[in-house]
Amino acid sequence: MTGISPVGGVQLNETTSTMTAAASNTVNKDEFLTLLITQLQNQDPLEPLDNAEFVSQVTQFSSLEQLISIREAVENTAAYLAELEDSQQQQQN
């Protein structure tokens, strides 16, 4: 049973490191698609990209798009709330 905890800890640390690295690198969805297409064009025809790996990359792209949409929605909500607060303060004065 002691072998399970370190593996989980390593995965969490690797995931956290990957997320931190992804956050520090600004790769937009167009750049990601360009990289994916380039990878597909330059793959060895005798050993094509593994289906599971390809699905994983497409899933990551989908997740990236959803996270960008969520971030934009949060930013828009924050801007709206700031405007609302400013208007309420002006009405009180």
PDB file of N, CA and C in Angstrom:
ATOM      1  N   MET A   1       0.808  -1.199   0.000  1.00  0.00           N
ATOM      2  CA  MET A   1       0.000   0.000   0.000  1.00  0.00           C
ATOM      3  C   MET A   1       0.853   1.265   0.000  1.00  0.00           C
ATOM      4  N   THR A   2       2.069   1.200   0.522  1.00  0.00           N
ATOM      5  CA  THR A   2       2.889   2.411   0.564  1.00  0.00           C
ATOM      6  C   THR A   2       3.330   2.842  -0.825  1.00  0.00           C
ATOM      7  N   GLY A   3       3.320   1.946  -1.813  1.00  0.00           N
ATOM      8  CA  GLY A   3       3.720   2.297  -3.173  1.00  0.00           C
ATOM      9  C   GLY A   3       2.706   3.185  -3.875  1.00  0.00           C
ATOM     10  N   ILE A   4       1.462   3.179  -3.433  1.00  0.00           N
ATOM     11  CA  ILE A   4       0.413   3.964  -4.093  1.00  0.00           C
ATOM     12  C   ILE A   4       0.578   5.448  -3.824  1.00  0.00           C
ATOM     13  N   SER A   5       0.855   5.833  -2.614  1.00  0.00           N
ATOM     14  CA  SER A   5       0.967   7.247  -2.270  1.00  0.00           C
ATOM     15  C   SER A   5       2.050   7.974  -3.051  1.00  0.00           C
ATOM     16  N   PRO A   6       3.283   7.426  -3.137  1.00  0.00           N
ATOM     17  CA  PRO A   6       4.295   8.148  -3.898  1.00  0.00           C
ATOM     18  C   PRO A   6       3.927   8.326  -5.363  1.00  0.00           C
ATOM     19  N   VAL A   7       3.314   7.303  -5.958  1.00  0.00           N
ATOM     20  CA  VAL A   7       2.931   7.412  -7.361  1.00  0.00           C
ATOM     21  C   VAL A   7       1.917   8.527  -7.526  1.00  0.00           C
ATOM     22  N   GLY A   8       0.912   8.555  -6.646  1.00  0.00           N
ATOM     23  CA  GLY A   8      -0.082   9.622  -6.702  1.00  0.00           C
ATOM     24  C   GLY A   8       0.562  10.978  -6.495  1.00  0.00           C
ATOM     25  N   GLY A   9       1.501  11.055  -5.558  1.00  0.00           N
ATOM     26  CA  GLY A   9       2.194  12.320  -5.303  1.00  0.00           C
ATOM     27  C   GLY A   9       3.003  12.766  -6.498  1.00  0.00           C
ATOM     28  N   VAL A  10       3.660  11.813  -7.156  1.00  0.00           N
ATOM     29  CA  VAL A  10       4.465  12.159  -8.324  1.00  0.00           C
ATOM     30  C   VAL A  10       3.560  12.661  -9.441  1.00  0.00           C
ATOM     31  N   GLN A  11       2.444  11.988  -9.659  1.00  0.00           N
ATOM     32  CA  GLN A  11       1.526  12.429 -10.705  1.00  0.00           C
ATOM     33  C   GLN A  11       0.998  13.824 -10.407  1.00  0.00           C
ATOM     34  N   LEU A  12       0.671  14.083  -9.173  1.00  0.00           N
ATOM     35  CA  LEU A  12       0.166  15.393  -8.807  1.00  0.00           C
ATOM     36  C   LEU A  12       1.232  16.443  -9.035  1.00  0.00           C
ATOM     37  N   ASN A  13       2.473  16.146  -8.614  1.00  0.00           N
ATOM     38  CA  ASN A  13       3.564  17.101  -8.804  1.00  0.00           C
ATOM     39  C   ASN A  13       3.835  17.335 -10.279  1.00  0.00           C
ATOM     40  N   GLU A  14       3.837  16.260 -11.088  1.00  0.00           N
ATOM     41  CA  GLU A  14       4.062  16.412 -12.515  1.00  0.00           C
ATOM     42  C   GLU A  14       2.929  17.210 -13.148  1.00  0.00           C
ATOM     43  N   THR A  15       1.694  16.936 -12.728  1.00  0.00           N
ATOM     44  CA  THR A  15       0.555  17.670 -13.256  1.00  0.00           C
ATOM     45  C   THR A  15       0.650  19.134 -12.878  1.00  0.00           C
ATOM     46  N   THR A  16       0.988  19.398 -11.627  1.00  0.00           N
ATOM     47  CA  THR A  16       1.119  20.770 -11.168  1.00  0.00           C
ATOM     48  C   THR A  16       2.224  21.479 -11.932  1.00  0.00           C
ATOM     49  N   SER A  17       3.349  20.812 -12.137  1.00  0.00           N
ATOM     50  CA  SER A  17       4.452  21.406 -12.890  1.00  0.00           C
ATOM     51  C   SER A  17       4.039  21.683 -14.321  1.00  0.00           C
ATOM     52  N   THR A  18       3.319  20.737 -14.926  1.00  0.00           N
ATOM     53  CA  THR A  18       2.861  20.910 -16.298  1.00  0.00           C
ATOM     54  C   THR A  18       1.894  22.072 -16.396  1.00  0.00           C
ATOM     55  N   MET A  19       0.976  22.174 -15.443  1.00  0.00           N
ATOM     56  CA  MET A  19       0.007  23.268 -15.458  1.00  0.00           C
ATOM     57  C   MET A  19       0.709  24.600 -15.263  1.00  0.00           C
ATOM     58  N   THR A  20       1.697  24.650 -14.386  1.00  0.00           N
ATOM     59  CA  THR A  20       2.449  25.878 -14.157  1.00  0.00           C
ATOM     60  C   THR A  20       3.227  26.258 -15.410  1.00  0.00           C
ATOM     61  N   ALA A  21       3.849  25.278 -16.038  1.00  0.00           N
ATOM     62  CA  ALA A  21       4.597  25.554 -17.263  1.00  0.00           C
ATOM     63  C   ALA A  21       3.651  26.020 -18.366  1.00  0.00           C
ATOM     64  N   ALA A  22       2.485  25.395 -18.462  1.00  0.00           N
ATOM     65  CA  ALA A  22       1.520  25.793 -19.479  1.00  0.00           C
ATOM     66  C   ALA A  22       1.018  27.213 -19.228  1.00  0.00           C
ATOM     67  N   ALA A  23       0.832  27.559 -17.970  1.00  0.00           N
ATOM     68  CA  ALA A  23       0.363  28.899 -17.649  1.00  0.00           C
ATOM     69  C   ALA A  23       1.421  29.943 -17.959  1.00  0.00           C
ATOM     70  N   SER A  24       2.689  29.594 -17.787  1.00  0.00           N
ATOM     71  CA  SER A  24       3.750  30.559 -18.040  1.00  0.00           C
ATOM     72  C   SER A  24       4.036  30.706 -19.532  1.00  0.00           C
ATOM     73  N   ASN A  25       3.754  29.677 -20.327  1.00  0.00           N
ATOM     74  CA  ASN A  25       3.920  29.765 -21.779  1.00  0.00           C
ATOM     75  C   ASN A  25       2.611  30.226 -22.383  1.00  0.00           C
ATOM     76  N   THR A  26       2.701  31.172 -23.292  1.00  0.00           N
ATOM     77  CA  THR A  26       1.482  31.687 -23.898  1.00  0.00           C
ATOM     78  C   THR A  26       1.335  31.118 -25.298  1.00  0.00           C
ATOM     79  N   VAL A  27       0.829  29.909 -25.382  1.00  0.00           N
ATOM     80  CA  VAL A  27       0.545  29.274 -26.662  1.00  0.00           C
ATOM     81  C   VAL A  27      -0.958  29.366 -26.865  1.00  0.00           C
ATOM     82  N   ASN A  28      -1.343  30.088 -27.918  1.00  0.00           N
ATOM     83  CA  ASN A  28      -2.773  30.202 -28.169  1.00  0.00           C
ATOM     84  C   ASN A  28      -3.265  29.012 -28.976  1.00  0.00           C
ATOM     85  N   LYS A  29      -4.554  28.951 -29.207  1.00  0.00           N
ATOM     86  CA  LYS A  29      -5.106  27.777 -29.866  1.00  0.00           C
ATOM     87  C   LYS A  29      -4.658  27.664 -31.315  1.00  0.00           C
ATOM     88  N   ASP A  30      -4.407  28.786 -31.992  1.00  0.00           N
ATOM     89  CA  ASP A  30      -3.915  28.721 -33.368  1.00  0.00           C
ATOM     90  C   ASP A  30      -2.520  28.114 -33.422  1.00  0.00           C
ATOM     91  N   GLU A  31      -1.665  28.491 -32.479  1.00  0.00           N
ATOM     92  CA  GLU A  31      -0.317  27.926 -32.425  1.00  0.00           C
ATOM     93  C   GLU A  31      -0.375  26.431 -32.104  1.00  0.00           C
ATOM     94  N   PHE A  32      -1.282  26.051 -31.209  1.00  0.00           N
ATOM     95  CA  PHE A  32      -1.424  24.642 -30.846  1.00  0.00           C
ATOM     96  C   PHE A  32      -1.851  23.832 -32.069  1.00  0.00           C
ATOM     97  N   LEU A  33      -2.829  24.348 -32.818  1.00  0.00           N
ATOM     98  CA  LEU A  33      -3.276  23.641 -34.022  1.00  0.00           C
ATOM     99  C   LEU A  33      -2.171  23.549 -35.058  1.00  0.00           C
ATOM    100  N   THR A  34      -1.389  24.628 -35.207  1.00  0.00           N
ATOM    101  CA  THR A  34      -0.272  24.608 -36.146  1.00  0.00           C
ATOM    102  C   THR A  34       0.734  23.528 -35.768  1.00  0.00           C
ATOM    103  N   LEU A  35       1.042  23.437 -34.473  1.00  0.00           N
ATOM    104  CA  LEU A  35       1.959  22.395 -34.013  1.00  0.00           C
ATOM    105  C   LEU A  35       1.405  20.999 -34.262  1.00  0.00           C
ATOM    106  N   LEU A  36       0.117  20.811 -33.995  1.00  0.00           N
ATOM    107  CA  LEU A  36      -0.508  19.502 -34.192  1.00  0.00           C
ATOM    108  C   LEU A  36      -0.507  19.113 -35.667  1.00  0.00           C
ATOM    109  N   ILE A  37      -0.835  20.060 -36.534  1.00  0.00           N
ATOM    110  CA  ILE A  37      -0.856  19.778 -37.973  1.00  0.00           C
ATOM    111  C   ILE A  37       0.552  19.479 -38.475  1.00  0.00           C
ATOM    112  N   THR A  38       1.529  20.243 -38.006  1.00  0.00           N
ATOM    113  CA  THR A  38       2.921  20.001 -38.394  1.00  0.00           C
ATOM    114  C   THR A  38       3.368  18.622 -37.944  1.00  0.00           C
ATOM    115  N   GLN A  39       2.972  18.242 -36.741  1.00  0.00           N
ATOM    116  CA  GLN A  39       3.318  16.919 -36.228  1.00  0.00           C
ATOM    117  C   GLN A  39       2.714  15.835 -37.110  1.00  0.00           C
ATOM    118  N   LEU A  40       1.454  16.011 -37.527  1.00  0.00           N
ATOM    119  CA  LEU A  40       0.800  15.013 -38.371  1.00  0.00           C
ATOM    120  C   LEU A  40       1.436  14.954 -39.758  1.00  0.00           C
ATOM    121  N   GLN A  41       1.819  16.111 -40.300  1.00  0.00           N
ATOM    122  CA  GLN A  41       2.427  16.134 -41.632  1.00  0.00           C
ATOM    123  C   GLN A  41       3.806  15.497 -41.649  1.00  0.00           C
ATOM    124  N   ASN A  42       4.526  15.586 -40.556  1.00  0.00           N
ATOM    125  CA  ASN A  42       5.905  15.101 -40.519  1.00  0.00           C
ATOM    126  C   ASN A  42       6.073  13.753 -39.833  1.00  0.00           C
ATOM    127  N   GLN A  43       4.991  13.073 -39.576  1.00  0.00           N
ATOM    128  CA  GLN A  43       5.124  11.777 -38.919  1.00  0.00           C
ATOM    129  C   GLN A  43       5.607  10.719 -39.911  1.00  0.00           C
ATOM    130  N   ASP A  44       6.188   9.695 -39.374  1.00  0.00           N
ATOM    131  CA  ASP A  44       6.680   8.581 -40.177  1.00  0.00           C
ATOM    132  C   ASP A  44       5.479   7.770 -40.666  1.00  0.00           C
ATOM    133  N   PRO A  45       5.300   7.636 -41.981  1.00  0.00           N
ATOM    134  CA  PRO A  45       4.130   6.898 -42.488  1.00  0.00           C
ATOM    135  C   PRO A  45       4.112   5.426 -42.077  1.00  0.00           C
ATOM    136  N   LEU A  46       5.295   4.879 -41.809  1.00  0.00           N
ATOM    137  CA  LEU A  46       5.352   3.477 -41.403  1.00  0.00           C
ATOM    138  C   LEU A  46       5.033   3.303 -39.923  1.00  0.00           C
ATOM    139  N   GLU A  47       5.152   4.374 -39.149  1.00  0.00           N
ATOM    140  CA  GLU A  47       4.822   4.355 -37.727  1.00  0.00           C
ATOM    141  C   GLU A  47       4.014   5.612 -37.400  1.00  0.00           C
ATOM    142  N   PRO A  48       2.743   5.628 -37.804  1.00  0.00           N
ATOM    143  CA  PRO A  48       1.933   6.831 -37.576  1.00  0.00           C
ATOM    144  C   PRO A  48       1.671   7.060 -36.086  1.00  0.00           C
ATOM    145  N   LEU A  49       1.202   8.252 -35.813  1.00  0.00           N
ATOM    146  CA  LEU A  49       0.873   8.647 -34.447  1.00  0.00           C
ATOM    147  C   LEU A  49      -0.134   7.671 -33.850  1.00  0.00           C
ATOM    148  N   ASP A  50       0.118   7.261 -32.637  1.00  0.00           N
ATOM    149  CA  ASP A  50      -0.770   6.353 -31.926  1.00  0.00           C
ATOM    150  C   ASP A  50      -2.137   7.006 -31.758  1.00  0.00           C
ATOM    151  N   ASN A  51      -3.204   6.268 -32.015  1.00  0.00           N
ATOM    152  CA  ASN A  51      -4.560   6.810 -31.909  1.00  0.00           C
ATOM    153  C   ASN A  51      -4.840   7.375 -30.527  1.00  0.00           C
ATOM    154  N   ALA A  52      -4.405   6.673 -29.499  1.00  0.00           N
ATOM    155  CA  ALA A  52      -4.649   7.132 -28.129  1.00  0.00           C
ATOM    156  C   ALA A  52      -3.930   8.454 -27.874  1.00  0.00           C
ATOM    157  N   GLU A  53      -2.715   8.582 -28.382  1.00  0.00           N
ATOM    158  CA  GLU A  53      -1.959   9.823 -28.206  1.00  0.00           C
ATOM    159  C   GLU A  53      -2.631  10.966 -28.958  1.00  0.00           C
ATOM    160  N   PHE A  54      -3.111  10.681 -30.173  1.00  0.00           N
ATOM    161  CA  PHE A  54      -3.783  11.707 -30.962  1.00  0.00           C
ATOM    162  C   PHE A  54      -5.061  12.170 -30.258  1.00  0.00           C
ATOM    163  N   VAL A  55      -5.848  11.234 -29.775  1.00  0.00           N
ATOM    164  CA  VAL A  55      -7.072  11.579 -29.052  1.00  0.00           C
ATOM    165  C   VAL A  55      -6.739  12.394 -27.812  1.00  0.00           C
ATOM    166  N   SER A  56      -5.672  12.033 -27.137  1.00  0.00           N
ATOM    167  CA  SER A  56      -5.239  12.774 -25.962  1.00  0.00           C
ATOM    168  C   SER A  56      -4.901  14.223 -26.317  1.00  0.00           C
ATOM    169  N   GLN A  57      -4.197  14.426 -27.420  1.00  0.00           N
ATOM    170  CA  GLN A  57      -3.834  15.778 -27.834  1.00  0.00           C
ATOM    171  C   GLN A  57      -5.063  16.594 -28.234  1.00  0.00           C
ATOM    172  N   VAL A  58      -5.987  15.972 -28.929  1.00  0.00           N
ATOM    173  CA  VAL A  58      -7.219  16.672 -29.314  1.00  0.00           C
ATOM    174  C   VAL A  58      -8.037  17.018 -28.076  1.00  0.00           C
ATOM    175  N   THR A  59      -8.055  16.119 -27.114  1.00  0.00           N
ATOM    176  CA  THR A  59      -8.754  16.382 -25.859  1.00  0.00           C
ATOM    177  C   THR A  59      -8.103  17.536 -25.113  1.00  0.00           C
ATOM    178  N   GLN A  60      -6.793  17.579 -25.104  1.00  0.00           N
ATOM    179  CA  GLN A  60      -6.093  18.698 -24.473  1.00  0.00           C
ATOM    180  C   GLN A  60      -6.444  20.006 -25.161  1.00  0.00           C
ATOM    181  N   PHE A  61      -6.539  19.988 -26.476  1.00  0.00           N
ATOM    182  CA  PHE A  61      -6.907  21.192 -27.216  1.00  0.00           C
ATOM    183  C   PHE A  61      -8.316  21.627 -26.840  1.00  0.00           C
ATOM    184  N   SER A  62      -9.232  20.679 -26.756  1.00  0.00           N
ATOM    185  CA  SER A  62     -10.601  20.993 -26.373  1.00  0.00           C
ATOM    186  C   SER A  62     -10.649  21.592 -24.968  1.00  0.00           C
ATOM    187  N   SER A  63      -9.885  21.019 -24.063  1.00  0.00           N
ATOM    188  CA  SER A  63      -9.812  21.547 -22.701  1.00  0.00           C
ATOM    189  C   SER A  63      -9.243  22.961 -22.694  1.00  0.00           C
ATOM    190  N   LEU A  64      -8.237  23.194 -23.517  1.00  0.00           N
ATOM    191  CA  LEU A  64      -7.648  24.527 -23.624  1.00  0.00           C
ATOM    192  C   LEU A  64      -8.689  25.538 -24.088  1.00  0.00           C
ATOM    193  N   GLU A  65      -9.458  25.177 -25.106  1.00  0.00           N
ATOM    194  CA  GLU A  65     -10.503  26.075 -25.592  1.00  0.00           C
ATOM    195  C   GLU A  65     -11.534  26.378 -24.504  1.00  0.00           C
ATOM    196  N   GLN A  66     -11.934  25.362 -23.758  1.00  0.00           N
ATOM    197  CA  GLN A  66     -12.913  25.557 -22.697  1.00  0.00           C
ATOM    198  C   GLN A  66     -12.353  26.437 -21.587  1.00  0.00           C
ATOM    199  N   LEU A  67     -11.092  26.247 -21.230  1.00  0.00           N
ATOM    200  CA  LEU A  67     -10.471  27.079 -20.200  1.00  0.00           C
ATOM    201  C   LEU A  67     -10.362  28.534 -20.650  1.00  0.00           C
ATOM    202  N   ILE A  68     -10.049  28.746 -21.920  1.00  0.00           N
ATOM    203  CA  ILE A  68      -9.992  30.111 -22.448  1.00  0.00           C
ATOM    204  C   ILE A  68     -11.371  30.753 -22.375  1.00  0.00           C
ATOM    205  N   SER A  69     -12.409  30.008 -22.731  1.00  0.00           N
ATOM    206  CA  SER A  69     -13.775  30.531 -22.664  1.00  0.00           C
ATOM    207  C   SER A  69     -14.175  30.870 -21.233  1.00  0.00           C
ATOM    208  N   ILE A  70     -13.804  30.010 -20.306  1.00  0.00           N
ATOM    209  CA  ILE A  70     -14.107  30.264 -18.893  1.00  0.00           C
ATOM    210  C   ILE A  70     -13.381  31.505 -18.405  1.00  0.00           C
ATOM    211  N   ARG A  71     -12.097  31.627 -18.765  1.00  0.00           N
ATOM    212  CA  ARG A  71     -11.323  32.801 -18.362  1.00  0.00           C
ATOM    213  C   ARG A  71     -11.951  34.081 -18.902  1.00  0.00           C
ATOM    214  N   GLU A  72     -12.356  34.060 -20.168  1.00  0.00           N
ATOM    215  CA  GLU A  72     -12.979  35.238 -20.766  1.00  0.00           C
ATOM    216  C   GLU A  72     -14.289  35.580 -20.062  1.00  0.00           C
ATOM    217  N   ALA A  73     -15.074  34.564 -19.722  1.00  0.00           N
ATOM    218  CA  ALA A  73     -16.337  34.799 -19.024  1.00  0.00           C
ATOM    219  C   ALA A  73     -16.097  35.398 -17.645  1.00  0.00           C
ATOM    220  N   VAL A  74     -15.100  34.901 -16.941  1.00  0.00           N
ATOM    221  CA  VAL A  74     -14.773  35.431 -15.615  1.00  0.00           C
ATOM    222  C   VAL A  74     -14.289  36.872 -15.728  1.00  0.00           C
ATOM    223  N   GLU A  75     -13.440  37.154 -16.712  1.00  0.00           N
ATOM    224  CA  GLU A  75     -12.957  38.519 -16.915  1.00  0.00           C
ATOM    225  C   GLU A  75     -14.104  39.466 -17.245  1.00  0.00           C
ATOM    226  N   ASN A  76     -15.023  39.030 -18.098  1.00  0.00           N
ATOM    227  CA  ASN A  76     -16.181  39.857 -18.441  1.00  0.00           C
ATOM    228  C   ASN A  76     -17.065  40.097 -17.225  1.00  0.00           C
ATOM    229  N   THR A  77     -17.265  39.072 -16.423  1.00  0.00           N
ATOM    230  CA  THR A  77     -18.071  39.208 -15.210  1.00  0.00           C
ATOM    231  C   THR A  77     -17.409  40.164 -14.231  1.00  0.00           C
ATOM    232  N   ALA A  78     -16.110  40.059 -14.068  1.00  0.00           N
ATOM    233  CA  ALA A  78     -15.373  40.948 -13.158  1.00  0.00           C
ATOM    234  C   ALA A  78     -15.469  42.394 -13.644  1.00  0.00           C
ATOM    235  N   ALA A  79     -15.344  42.608 -14.945  1.00  0.00           N
ATOM    236  CA  ALA A  79     -15.452  43.963 -15.494  1.00  0.00           C
ATOM    237  C   ALA A  79     -16.857  44.516 -15.277  1.00  0.00           C
ATOM    238  N   TYR A  80     -17.869  43.691 -15.496  1.00  0.00           N
ATOM    239  CA  TYR A  80     -19.252  44.118 -15.283  1.00  0.00           C
ATOM    240  C   TYR A  80     -19.485  44.472 -13.818  1.00  0.00           C
ATOM    241  N   LEU A  81     -19.005  43.632 -12.918  1.00  0.00           N
ATOM    242  CA  LEU A  81     -19.186  43.901 -11.487  1.00  0.00           C
ATOM    243  C   LEU A  81     -18.456  45.175 -11.061  1.00  0.00           C
ATOM    244  N   ALA A  82     -17.290  45.419 -11.626  1.00  0.00           N
ATOM    245  CA  ALA A  82     -16.544  46.642 -11.314  1.00  0.00           C
ATOM    246  C   ALA A  82     -17.311  47.867 -11.798  1.00  0.00           C
ATOM    247  N   GLU A  83     -17.878  47.789 -12.995  1.00  0.00           N
ATOM    248  CA  GLU A  83     -18.689  48.896 -13.520  1.00  0.00           C
ATOM    249  C   GLU A  83     -19.923  49.114 -12.667  1.00  0.00           C
ATOM    250  N   LEU A  84     -20.556  48.036 -12.252  1.00  0.00           N
ATOM    251  CA  LEU A  84     -21.750  48.120 -11.415  1.00  0.00           C
ATOM    252  C   LEU A  84     -21.417  48.762 -10.076  1.00  0.00           C
ATOM    253  N   GLU A  85     -20.305  48.367  -9.486  1.00  0.00           N
ATOM    254  CA  GLU A  85     -19.880  48.943  -8.216  1.00  0.00           C
ATOM    255  C   GLU A  85     -19.576  50.434  -8.369  1.00  0.00           C
ATOM    256  N   ASP A  86     -18.922  50.808  -9.445  1.00  0.00           N
ATOM    257  CA  ASP A  86     -18.613  52.217  -9.697  1.00  0.00           C
ATOM    258  C   ASP A  86     -19.885  53.032  -9.851  1.00  0.00           C
ATOM    259  N   SER A  87     -20.858  52.506 -10.580  1.00  0.00           N
ATOM    260  CA  SER A  87     -22.109  53.243 -10.778  1.00  0.00           C
ATOM    261  C   SER A  87     -22.878  53.380  -9.467  1.00  0.00           C
ATOM    262  N   GLN A  88     -22.830  52.363  -8.616  1.00  0.00           N
ATOM    263  CA  GLN A  88     -23.512  52.428  -7.323  1.00  0.00           C
ATOM    264  C   GLN A  88     -22.833  53.454  -6.417  1.00  0.00           C
ATOM    265  N   GLN A  89     -21.507  53.514  -6.479  1.00  0.00           N
ATOM    266  CA  GLN A  89     -20.795  54.499  -5.663  1.00  0.00           C
ATOM    267  C   GLN A  89     -21.088  55.912  -6.149  1.00  0.00           C
ATOM    268  N   GLN A  90     -21.201  56.100  -7.450  1.00  0.00           N
ATOM    269  CA  GLN A  90     -21.521  57.416  -7.980  1.00  0.00           C
ATOM    270  C   GLN A  90     -22.940  57.840  -7.605  1.00  0.00           C
ATOM    271  N   GLN A  91     -23.855  56.897  -7.562  1.00  0.00           N
ATOM    272  CA  GLN A  91     -25.233  57.207  -7.178  1.00  0.00           C
ATOM    273  C   GLN A  91     -25.320  57.577  -5.706  1.00  0.00           C
ATOM    274  N   GLN A  92     -24.474  56.957  -4.881  1.00  0.00           N
ATOM    275  CA  GLN A  92     -24.489  57.250  -3.442  1.00  0.00           C
ATOM    276  C   GLN A  92     -23.887  58.629  -3.160  1.00  0.00           C
ATOM    277  N   ASN A  93     -22.980  59.068  -3.996  1.00  0.00           N
ATOM    278  CA  ASN A  93     -22.330  60.377  -3.794  1.00  0.00           C
ATOM    279  C   ASN A  93     -23.191  61.403  -4.395  1.00  0.00           C
TER     280      ASN A  93
END
